[in-house]
Amino acid sequence: MKSKPKRCYDWYVLKKLSKNWYVIGFLLFTFCLIIELFWLGAFYPATMNGDSINFWRMSALGSGYDNLQPILYTYLLFLLRRIWDSPAIVAILQILISSFLVTYFSMFLLKKGANKILVLLGYFAFVFSITVNISNTFVHKDSLYAQLILFMSIIIVGLFFKKEEETRSINFYLIGIILALIASIRYESVVYLLLIPFLMKYYKLATKRNLLITIITALTLFFCIQVPLPFLLKVKEYRYIQLYDVETQLMGVIFKQHGTNFSTADKSTLTTLSPLVNWDKLDPVWDGSYYSPTFKRALFADPNFASSWNKLFWKKIREYPVCYLSGRLQMAETLIAGGRINYPHIKSNELGLWQISAFDPSEYSGFLPDTFAKYNIRDFCLKLVNMTYYQNYAISFFLWSPFYLLVHLGFLTFALIKKKNYLIFYSVIALISFLAVMPMVTAAQFRYMYPLFYTSFFVPALYTIKAKVAINE
């Protein structure tokens, strides 16, 4: 009988693994890669939405950046386009990361004695998930953001099963790097910089030295991304009030309930954006009229308007804090229970997609897109999306956002009862992403739920781990 490896599976010490584990890892990685590349072929060169187009246009210029979106993802696209000037390069990178992560996590769980059936179910649910596969072909920061959260979660869970003398500093440098990237890719995710080191200290996952390594690495890289990089790229301040952004939505809630208390000057500020009748009808939850012409884009460059708007907004928030809470809760309710997933960036007509994004479809002709078009694979995938998301099939239940939120909350409850701290930490990391986005989200788009989706598939298997944790719980 072959002896099992004595130490846990580490991604950077593959030489310690037996040949059997090499084969298993290769098969898992290859199978996932094939399935995800199939979806890329169906929607080649990638799927995109309005944000994607903004990212892509700025990355093409290599200049003229603004801070409407965090600059890190745009600059990453700029670098990737030096390798291959096609949206497919972004999708391929995300597919490779996704295939690596699901393979690594599956191997880790098998090594730790998790229920093999649940591990395989989690693996195949991840690989065949329509949401994951479309997300991996989606040119958007939220796809990479979810993958980074999953990557960090896996590394941190692994720390629970390592004795102090077995833990290498590279783990903490890596956590610090991923933390900085997470905090830089979405504005509200900076909360991770504060909470993750605190939780690592609370659960005794690191010595003082290793905790300092994580904190210093994260803060140093975060500072470089936030200060020198925008300076070197000459990033400009975004000068417009976005239509239906958080402030506009909340002001609509306040005006609807307390508009009679607005002064003439206050109403004058509002009418700069739109007539008062539109403010009274403004829904606190995005209803599909994001590009409504009834709301103007007002220049922040006008110091008088910027000053009057900010003064009015914060004055009303102080006067009616309940309106702020009710507006955010309505958005949260819509995001959680809004039903099935909507993919506005997928178009059944390829020409329609590239008309929106200012691409020439003929630019992406060739063996791959022509072959997939010939055999109607794109149409097949679109029918699959419609069948599972927009029709009342039983499988649709497992594709609703509330299901995956309940998976985390349910197993978090069991973990608290059984004191499975590694699972508590794992679920908390995913839930932080959801809680952090709620004060900022301006539309009930499912991409905000990507981290919950990516991390939920292996939660049941994590609960069944038989290996003994190495730290004191």
Foldseek 3Di string as FASTA:
>chain_A
DDDAQPDADDPVPCVSHDVVLVVLLVVQLVVLLVLLVLLCLLVPPFFEDPVLLVLLVCLVVLAPAAVPFQCVLSVVLVVQVVVPVGLNSQLSVLSNLLSNLLSVLLRRLVRLPFDNVLSVQLSVCCSPPLVLSNLSRYRALLSVLLSLLSVLLSLLLSLQADAPVRDDLVSLLVNLVSLLVNCRRGVLSVVCLVPVLVVCVVQVSDDPVSSVSSNVSNVVSNCCSPPVVCVVNVYHYDFWDFQQFQLLLLQLLLCLPPVVPDDPLRLVLVVVFAHPVVSNVRHLADDPCRVPPRGDIDTNVPVVSVVSSVVSSVVSCVVCVVSLVVSLVVHLCCLQVVAAADDPRDDLDPVVNCVVSVDDVVVPDDDSNVVCVVVVVSVVSVVVCCVQGVDPDPNVVVRHNNVLVCLLVVLCVVCVVVVVVSSVVSSVSLVCLVVSCSSGDRHSHNSSNSSSVSSRSCSSSSVRRPHDGNGDD
